[in-house]
N, C-alpha and C. Protein backbone atom coordinates (compact mmCIF):
# COMPACT_ATOMS: atom_id res chain seq x y z
N UNK A 1 -12.76 -0.34 0.14
CA UNK A 1 -12.77 1.09 0.41
C UNK A 1 -13.65 1.76 -0.62
N UNK A 2 -14.16 2.87 -0.21
CA UNK A 2 -14.93 3.70 -1.13
C UNK A 2 -14.26 5.05 -1.25
N UNK A 3 -14.30 5.58 -2.47
CA UNK A 3 -13.72 6.90 -2.69
C UNK A 3 -14.60 7.68 -3.66
N UNK A 4 -14.73 8.95 -3.38
CA UNK A 4 -15.37 9.88 -4.28
C UNK A 4 -14.26 10.83 -4.73
N UNK A 5 -13.93 10.78 -6.02
CA UNK A 5 -12.80 11.54 -6.56
C UNK A 5 -13.34 12.68 -7.40
N UNK A 6 -12.90 13.88 -7.08
CA UNK A 6 -13.31 15.04 -7.86
C UNK A 6 -12.09 15.70 -8.49
N UNK A 7 -12.19 15.97 -9.78
CA UNK A 7 -11.13 16.71 -10.47
C UNK A 7 -11.30 18.17 -10.07
N UNK A 8 -10.22 18.77 -9.55
CA UNK A 8 -10.33 20.14 -9.05
C UNK A 8 -9.24 21.04 -9.61
N UNK A 9 -9.56 22.31 -9.67
CA UNK A 9 -8.55 23.33 -9.95
C UNK A 9 -7.84 23.71 -8.66
N UNK A 10 -8.59 23.60 -7.54
CA UNK A 10 -8.01 23.83 -6.22
C UNK A 10 -8.96 23.26 -5.18
N UNK A 11 -8.41 22.95 -4.00
CA UNK A 11 -9.23 22.45 -2.90
C UNK A 11 -8.48 22.67 -1.60
N UNK A 12 -9.25 22.85 -0.52
CA UNK A 12 -8.63 22.99 0.80
C UNK A 12 -9.57 22.44 1.85
N UNK A 13 -8.99 22.11 2.99
CA UNK A 13 -9.77 21.65 4.13
C UNK A 13 -9.34 22.46 5.35
N UNK A 14 -10.34 22.88 6.11
CA UNK A 14 -10.12 23.71 7.29
C UNK A 14 -10.71 23.03 8.51
N UNK A 15 -9.96 23.05 9.61
CA UNK A 15 -10.42 22.51 10.89
C UNK A 15 -10.20 23.59 11.94
N UNK A 16 -11.25 23.93 12.66
CA UNK A 16 -11.17 24.96 13.71
C UNK A 16 -10.54 26.26 13.20
N UNK A 17 -10.92 26.65 11.99
CA UNK A 17 -10.44 27.90 11.42
C UNK A 17 -9.04 27.86 10.84
N UNK A 18 -8.37 26.69 10.89
CA UNK A 18 -7.02 26.56 10.36
C UNK A 18 -7.01 25.64 9.15
N UNK A 19 -6.37 26.07 8.08
CA UNK A 19 -6.24 25.22 6.89
C UNK A 19 -5.25 24.10 7.23
N UNK A 20 -5.72 22.85 7.09
CA UNK A 20 -4.86 21.71 7.38
C UNK A 20 -4.29 21.09 6.11
N UNK A 21 -4.88 21.39 4.97
CA UNK A 21 -4.40 20.86 3.71
C UNK A 21 -4.98 21.65 2.55
N UNK A 22 -4.17 21.86 1.53
CA UNK A 22 -4.63 22.59 0.35
C UNK A 22 -3.81 22.13 -0.86
N UNK A 23 -4.49 22.11 -2.01
CA UNK A 23 -3.81 21.75 -3.26
C UNK A 23 -4.26 22.69 -4.36
N UNK A 24 -3.50 22.68 -5.44
CA UNK A 24 -3.90 23.33 -6.67
C UNK A 24 -4.56 22.27 -7.55
N UNK A 25 -4.14 22.20 -8.79
CA UNK A 25 -4.74 21.26 -9.74
C UNK A 25 -4.48 19.82 -9.30
N UNK A 26 -5.55 19.03 -9.33
CA UNK A 26 -5.41 17.64 -8.94
C UNK A 26 -6.73 17.01 -8.60
N UNK A 27 -6.72 16.14 -7.58
CA UNK A 27 -7.91 15.40 -7.18
C UNK A 27 -8.20 15.61 -5.70
N UNK A 28 -9.45 15.90 -5.41
CA UNK A 28 -9.96 15.87 -4.05
C UNK A 28 -10.53 14.47 -3.87
N UNK A 29 -10.02 13.73 -2.88
CA UNK A 29 -10.42 12.34 -2.69
C UNK A 29 -11.05 12.20 -1.31
N UNK A 30 -12.36 11.98 -1.30
CA UNK A 30 -13.05 11.62 -0.07
C UNK A 30 -12.96 10.10 0.02
N UNK A 31 -12.50 9.58 1.15
CA UNK A 31 -12.26 8.15 1.25
C UNK A 31 -12.85 7.59 2.55
N UNK A 32 -13.38 6.36 2.44
CA UNK A 32 -13.98 5.67 3.58
C UNK A 32 -13.50 4.24 3.61
N UNK A 33 -12.96 3.83 4.74
CA UNK A 33 -12.58 2.43 4.94
C UNK A 33 -13.82 1.66 5.38
N UNK A 34 -14.03 0.52 4.76
CA UNK A 34 -15.16 -0.34 5.07
C UNK A 34 -14.71 -1.48 5.99
N UNK A 35 -15.68 -2.20 6.55
CA UNK A 35 -15.40 -3.25 7.54
C UNK A 35 -14.34 -4.26 7.11
N UNK A 36 -14.41 -4.74 5.89
CA UNK A 36 -13.52 -5.81 5.44
C UNK A 36 -12.25 -5.32 4.75
N UNK A 37 -12.00 -4.03 4.75
CA UNK A 37 -10.84 -3.51 4.04
C UNK A 37 -9.54 -3.84 4.76
N UNK A 38 -8.49 -3.93 3.95
CA UNK A 38 -7.14 -4.19 4.44
C UNK A 38 -6.20 -3.14 3.86
N UNK A 39 -4.95 -3.19 4.30
CA UNK A 39 -3.95 -2.30 3.71
C UNK A 39 -3.83 -2.53 2.22
N UNK A 40 -3.93 -3.79 1.79
CA UNK A 40 -3.84 -4.11 0.37
C UNK A 40 -4.99 -3.46 -0.41
N UNK A 41 -6.16 -3.39 0.19
CA UNK A 41 -7.30 -2.73 -0.46
C UNK A 41 -6.98 -1.26 -0.71
N UNK A 42 -6.44 -0.60 0.30
CA UNK A 42 -6.08 0.81 0.16
C UNK A 42 -4.98 1.04 -0.85
N UNK A 43 -4.01 0.14 -0.86
CA UNK A 43 -2.92 0.24 -1.84
C UNK A 43 -3.46 0.13 -3.27
N UNK A 44 -4.38 -0.82 -3.48
CA UNK A 44 -4.97 -1.00 -4.81
C UNK A 44 -5.74 0.26 -5.22
N UNK A 45 -6.53 0.80 -4.28
CA UNK A 45 -7.33 1.99 -4.59
C UNK A 45 -6.43 3.19 -4.90
N UNK A 46 -5.37 3.35 -4.13
CA UNK A 46 -4.43 4.45 -4.39
C UNK A 46 -3.82 4.32 -5.79
N UNK A 47 -3.40 3.10 -6.15
CA UNK A 47 -2.82 2.88 -7.48
C UNK A 47 -3.83 3.19 -8.58
N UNK A 48 -5.09 2.83 -8.35
CA UNK A 48 -6.15 3.11 -9.32
C UNK A 48 -6.33 4.61 -9.51
N UNK A 49 -6.38 5.34 -8.41
CA UNK A 49 -6.61 6.79 -8.47
C UNK A 49 -5.44 7.51 -9.13
N UNK A 50 -4.22 7.07 -8.84
CA UNK A 50 -3.04 7.69 -9.44
C UNK A 50 -3.07 7.55 -10.96
N UNK A 51 -3.59 6.44 -11.46
CA UNK A 51 -3.59 6.17 -12.90
C UNK A 51 -4.90 6.54 -13.60
N UNK A 52 -5.90 6.96 -12.83
CA UNK A 52 -7.21 7.27 -13.39
C UNK A 52 -7.09 8.46 -14.35
N UNK A 53 -7.46 8.24 -15.60
CA UNK A 53 -7.28 9.26 -16.63
C UNK A 53 -8.52 10.15 -16.71
N UNK A 54 -8.52 11.17 -15.85
CA UNK A 54 -9.67 12.09 -15.78
C UNK A 54 -9.28 13.53 -16.09
N UNK A 55 -8.04 13.73 -16.50
CA UNK A 55 -7.57 15.08 -16.83
C UNK A 55 -7.42 15.21 -18.34
N UNK A 56 -7.73 16.39 -18.87
CA UNK A 56 -7.75 16.54 -20.33
C UNK A 56 -6.35 16.59 -20.95
N UNK A 57 -6.26 16.01 -22.15
CA UNK A 57 -5.03 16.15 -22.93
C UNK A 57 -5.17 17.42 -23.78
N UNK A 58 -4.26 17.63 -24.71
CA UNK A 58 -4.28 18.84 -25.52
C UNK A 58 -5.52 18.95 -26.40
N UNK A 59 -6.15 17.81 -26.69
CA UNK A 59 -7.37 17.80 -27.50
C UNK A 59 -8.63 17.93 -26.64
N UNK A 60 -8.46 18.00 -25.32
CA UNK A 60 -9.61 18.13 -24.44
C UNK A 60 -10.23 16.80 -24.02
N UNK A 61 -9.60 15.69 -24.42
CA UNK A 61 -10.10 14.37 -24.06
C UNK A 61 -9.54 13.96 -22.70
N UNK A 62 -10.38 13.35 -21.86
CA UNK A 62 -9.89 12.87 -20.57
C UNK A 62 -8.94 11.71 -20.83
N UNK A 63 -7.65 12.02 -20.83
CA UNK A 63 -6.65 11.04 -21.24
C UNK A 63 -5.38 11.11 -20.39
N UNK A 64 -5.39 11.96 -19.35
CA UNK A 64 -4.20 12.11 -18.52
C UNK A 64 -4.53 11.78 -17.06
N UNK A 65 -3.52 11.27 -16.37
CA UNK A 65 -3.67 10.90 -14.96
C UNK A 65 -3.05 11.97 -14.06
N UNK A 66 -3.21 11.79 -12.77
CA UNK A 66 -2.55 12.68 -11.80
C UNK A 66 -1.05 12.74 -12.05
N UNK A 67 -0.45 11.59 -12.30
CA UNK A 67 0.99 11.57 -12.56
C UNK A 67 1.34 12.32 -13.83
N UNK A 68 0.53 12.14 -14.87
CA UNK A 68 0.79 12.80 -16.15
C UNK A 68 0.78 14.32 -16.04
N UNK A 69 -0.09 14.86 -15.18
CA UNK A 69 -0.20 16.31 -15.07
C UNK A 69 0.59 16.87 -13.89
N UNK A 70 1.29 15.99 -13.17
CA UNK A 70 2.02 16.38 -11.95
C UNK A 70 1.06 17.04 -10.96
N UNK A 71 -0.13 16.45 -10.83
CA UNK A 71 -1.15 16.99 -9.93
C UNK A 71 -0.97 16.50 -8.51
N UNK A 72 -1.75 17.08 -7.62
CA UNK A 72 -1.73 16.74 -6.20
C UNK A 72 -3.04 16.10 -5.80
N UNK A 73 -3.06 15.53 -4.60
CA UNK A 73 -4.29 14.95 -4.06
C UNK A 73 -4.54 15.51 -2.66
N UNK A 74 -5.76 15.93 -2.42
CA UNK A 74 -6.21 16.29 -1.09
C UNK A 74 -7.08 15.14 -0.62
N UNK A 75 -6.66 14.44 0.43
CA UNK A 75 -7.36 13.25 0.92
C UNK A 75 -8.10 13.61 2.20
N UNK A 76 -9.41 13.35 2.17
CA UNK A 76 -10.28 13.69 3.30
C UNK A 76 -11.05 12.44 3.71
N UNK A 77 -10.95 12.08 4.98
CA UNK A 77 -11.71 10.91 5.48
C UNK A 77 -13.19 11.28 5.53
N UNK A 78 -14.04 10.34 5.11
CA UNK A 78 -15.47 10.60 5.11
C UNK A 78 -16.23 9.29 5.33
N UNK A 79 -16.48 8.96 6.60
CA UNK A 79 -17.16 7.70 6.91
C UNK A 79 -18.58 7.67 6.37
N UNK A 80 -19.16 8.81 6.05
CA UNK A 80 -20.54 8.82 5.54
C UNK A 80 -20.65 8.20 4.16
N UNK A 81 -19.53 7.93 3.49
CA UNK A 81 -19.59 7.21 2.22
C UNK A 81 -20.08 5.77 2.42
N UNK A 82 -20.05 5.30 3.67
CA UNK A 82 -20.52 3.95 3.98
C UNK A 82 -22.02 3.92 4.30
N UNK A 83 -22.69 5.03 4.11
CA UNK A 83 -24.09 5.15 4.53
C UNK A 83 -25.00 4.09 3.90
N UNK A 84 -25.80 3.49 4.76
CA UNK A 84 -26.89 2.62 4.34
C UNK A 84 -28.13 3.50 4.37
N UNK A 85 -28.70 3.76 3.22
CA UNK A 85 -29.81 4.72 3.12
C UNK A 85 -31.15 4.06 2.82
N UNK A 86 -31.30 2.80 3.19
CA UNK A 86 -32.58 2.13 2.96
C UNK A 86 -33.70 2.81 3.75
N UNK A 87 -33.40 3.30 4.92
CA UNK A 87 -34.38 4.05 5.71
C UNK A 87 -34.15 5.53 5.51
N UNK A 88 -34.81 6.33 6.32
CA UNK A 88 -34.65 7.78 6.22
C UNK A 88 -33.48 8.31 7.04
N UNK A 89 -33.02 7.53 7.99
CA UNK A 89 -31.87 7.92 8.80
C UNK A 89 -30.71 7.01 8.40
N UNK A 90 -29.65 7.57 7.80
CA UNK A 90 -28.53 6.74 7.34
C UNK A 90 -27.88 5.98 8.50
N UNK A 91 -27.47 4.76 8.19
CA UNK A 91 -26.70 3.95 9.13
C UNK A 91 -25.29 3.79 8.62
N UNK A 92 -24.34 3.67 9.52
CA UNK A 92 -22.93 3.64 9.13
C UNK A 92 -22.21 2.39 9.64
N UNK A 93 -22.95 1.32 9.88
CA UNK A 93 -22.36 0.11 10.46
C UNK A 93 -21.40 -0.59 9.50
N UNK A 94 -21.43 -0.26 8.22
CA UNK A 94 -20.52 -0.90 7.26
C UNK A 94 -19.15 -0.24 7.21
N UNK A 95 -19.02 0.93 7.86
CA UNK A 95 -17.72 1.61 7.91
C UNK A 95 -16.81 0.89 8.91
N UNK A 96 -15.53 0.91 8.64
CA UNK A 96 -14.57 0.34 9.58
C UNK A 96 -14.63 1.13 10.89
N UNK A 97 -14.38 0.48 12.02
CA UNK A 97 -14.33 1.21 13.29
C UNK A 97 -13.26 2.30 13.22
N UNK A 98 -13.42 3.37 13.99
CA UNK A 98 -12.50 4.51 13.87
C UNK A 98 -11.02 4.18 13.98
N UNK A 99 -10.62 3.32 14.90
CA UNK A 99 -9.20 3.02 15.04
C UNK A 99 -8.64 2.32 13.79
N UNK A 100 -9.41 1.40 13.23
CA UNK A 100 -9.01 0.71 12.01
C UNK A 100 -9.10 1.65 10.81
N UNK A 101 -10.16 2.46 10.77
CA UNK A 101 -10.34 3.42 9.68
C UNK A 101 -9.18 4.40 9.60
N UNK A 102 -8.69 4.86 10.75
CA UNK A 102 -7.56 5.79 10.77
C UNK A 102 -6.31 5.14 10.16
N UNK A 103 -6.04 3.91 10.53
CA UNK A 103 -4.87 3.20 10.00
C UNK A 103 -4.97 3.09 8.48
N UNK A 104 -6.15 2.69 8.00
CA UNK A 104 -6.33 2.50 6.56
C UNK A 104 -6.29 3.82 5.80
N UNK A 105 -6.85 4.86 6.39
CA UNK A 105 -6.81 6.21 5.80
C UNK A 105 -5.36 6.68 5.66
N UNK A 106 -4.59 6.53 6.72
CA UNK A 106 -3.20 6.96 6.68
C UNK A 106 -2.39 6.14 5.70
N UNK A 107 -2.65 4.84 5.63
CA UNK A 107 -1.96 3.98 4.68
C UNK A 107 -2.30 4.37 3.24
N UNK A 108 -3.59 4.65 2.99
CA UNK A 108 -4.03 5.07 1.67
C UNK A 108 -3.28 6.34 1.24
N UNK A 109 -3.23 7.33 2.12
CA UNK A 109 -2.52 8.58 1.81
C UNK A 109 -1.04 8.32 1.54
N UNK A 110 -0.43 7.46 2.34
CA UNK A 110 0.98 7.13 2.15
C UNK A 110 1.21 6.42 0.82
N UNK A 111 0.26 5.59 0.41
CA UNK A 111 0.38 4.89 -0.88
C UNK A 111 0.32 5.86 -2.05
N UNK A 112 -0.55 6.86 -1.95
CA UNK A 112 -0.59 7.90 -2.99
C UNK A 112 0.75 8.62 -3.07
N UNK A 113 1.27 9.00 -1.91
CA UNK A 113 2.55 9.72 -1.87
C UNK A 113 3.69 8.86 -2.40
N UNK A 114 3.68 7.58 -2.05
CA UNK A 114 4.73 6.67 -2.52
C UNK A 114 4.71 6.51 -4.03
N UNK A 115 3.54 6.72 -4.64
CA UNK A 115 3.42 6.63 -6.09
C UNK A 115 3.88 7.91 -6.78
N UNK A 116 4.25 8.91 -6.01
CA UNK A 116 4.78 10.14 -6.60
C UNK A 116 3.80 11.30 -6.65
N UNK A 117 2.68 11.19 -5.95
CA UNK A 117 1.69 12.26 -5.94
C UNK A 117 1.84 13.07 -4.65
N UNK A 118 2.02 14.38 -4.75
CA UNK A 118 2.02 15.20 -3.53
C UNK A 118 0.65 15.10 -2.86
N UNK A 119 0.63 14.86 -1.55
CA UNK A 119 -0.61 14.63 -0.82
C UNK A 119 -0.76 15.63 0.31
N UNK A 120 -1.95 16.20 0.41
CA UNK A 120 -2.35 17.01 1.56
C UNK A 120 -3.52 16.28 2.20
N UNK A 121 -3.74 16.52 3.48
CA UNK A 121 -4.78 15.77 4.20
C UNK A 121 -5.65 16.66 5.06
N UNK A 122 -6.85 16.13 5.31
CA UNK A 122 -7.68 16.66 6.37
C UNK A 122 -7.22 16.00 7.66
N UNK A 123 -8.02 16.12 8.71
CA UNK A 123 -7.71 15.49 9.98
C UNK A 123 -8.76 14.42 10.24
N UNK A 124 -8.32 13.18 10.36
CA UNK A 124 -9.23 12.06 10.53
C UNK A 124 -10.15 12.30 11.72
N UNK A 125 -11.45 12.14 11.49
CA UNK A 125 -12.44 12.23 12.55
C UNK A 125 -12.83 13.64 12.96
N UNK A 126 -12.20 14.65 12.38
CA UNK A 126 -12.50 16.04 12.75
C UNK A 126 -13.71 16.55 11.99
N UNK A 127 -14.29 17.62 12.50
CA UNK A 127 -15.34 18.34 11.79
C UNK A 127 -14.62 19.27 10.82
N UNK A 128 -14.69 18.95 9.54
CA UNK A 128 -13.90 19.66 8.53
C UNK A 128 -14.80 20.49 7.61
N UNK A 129 -14.26 21.57 7.15
CA UNK A 129 -14.89 22.40 6.13
C UNK A 129 -14.04 22.25 4.87
N UNK A 130 -14.67 21.81 3.79
CA UNK A 130 -13.94 21.55 2.55
C UNK A 130 -14.39 22.56 1.50
N UNK A 131 -13.41 23.21 0.88
CA UNK A 131 -13.69 24.15 -0.20
C UNK A 131 -13.02 23.63 -1.46
N UNK A 132 -13.70 23.78 -2.59
CA UNK A 132 -13.11 23.29 -3.83
C UNK A 132 -13.65 24.04 -5.03
N UNK A 133 -12.84 24.03 -6.07
CA UNK A 133 -13.28 24.48 -7.38
C UNK A 133 -13.26 23.23 -8.24
N UNK A 134 -14.45 22.64 -8.43
CA UNK A 134 -14.58 21.42 -9.21
C UNK A 134 -14.34 21.77 -10.67
N UNK A 135 -13.55 20.98 -11.34
CA UNK A 135 -13.17 21.24 -12.73
C UNK A 135 -13.93 20.28 -13.64
N UNK A 136 -14.83 20.79 -14.41
CA UNK A 136 -15.59 19.97 -15.36
C UNK A 136 -17.08 20.22 -15.29
N UNK A 137 -17.77 19.80 -14.30
CA UNK A 137 -17.33 19.03 -13.15
C UNK A 137 -17.07 17.58 -13.51
N UNK A 138 -16.07 17.01 -12.87
CA UNK A 138 -15.76 15.59 -13.01
C UNK A 138 -15.75 14.99 -11.60
N UNK A 139 -16.64 14.05 -11.38
CA UNK A 139 -16.73 13.36 -10.09
C UNK A 139 -16.89 11.87 -10.37
N UNK A 140 -15.99 11.07 -9.78
CA UNK A 140 -15.96 9.63 -10.04
C UNK A 140 -16.12 8.88 -8.72
N UNK A 141 -17.00 7.88 -8.71
CA UNK A 141 -17.24 7.02 -7.55
C UNK A 141 -16.46 5.73 -7.75
N UNK A 142 -15.65 5.34 -6.76
CA UNK A 142 -14.91 4.09 -6.81
C UNK A 142 -15.22 3.27 -5.56
N UNK A 143 -15.47 2.00 -5.74
CA UNK A 143 -15.75 1.10 -4.63
C UNK A 143 -14.99 -0.19 -4.90
N UNK A 144 -14.05 -0.53 -4.02
CA UNK A 144 -13.21 -1.70 -4.25
C UNK A 144 -14.00 -3.01 -4.18
N UNK A 145 -15.18 -2.97 -3.61
CA UNK A 145 -16.01 -4.18 -3.53
C UNK A 145 -16.68 -4.47 -4.86
N UNK A 146 -16.70 -3.54 -5.76
CA UNK A 146 -17.39 -3.74 -7.07
C UNK A 146 -16.43 -4.20 -8.13
């Protein structure tokens, strides 16, 4: 799986003019299931993100995790993270097919919640508008294949 994690002060996702998910302080997580991913892959990635120390401690050092700050996660599916950009028109053949991607996306979100992180979601496969206040800015790329 691939994830782009942004430390945010707030974030929301809107579909057809309706807010489907919103958080305050925490992480906005764009996630993409790849062809070879399994539920175990998503579980590992969720555990990594929950423990990722990207939030400042009292000294201003990135030393706290989502759990440490009692932060939330807004999880948004984004198959374009699988883009092959060797040419000028991106290809997405490395992304999991939509039916499998949905299962892995939902499992990933459930794994975050099971770890104690409040989770809000976008709508899988929808045309979404995402708003955020990036904090730092801090943006981290994670790829379970690496």
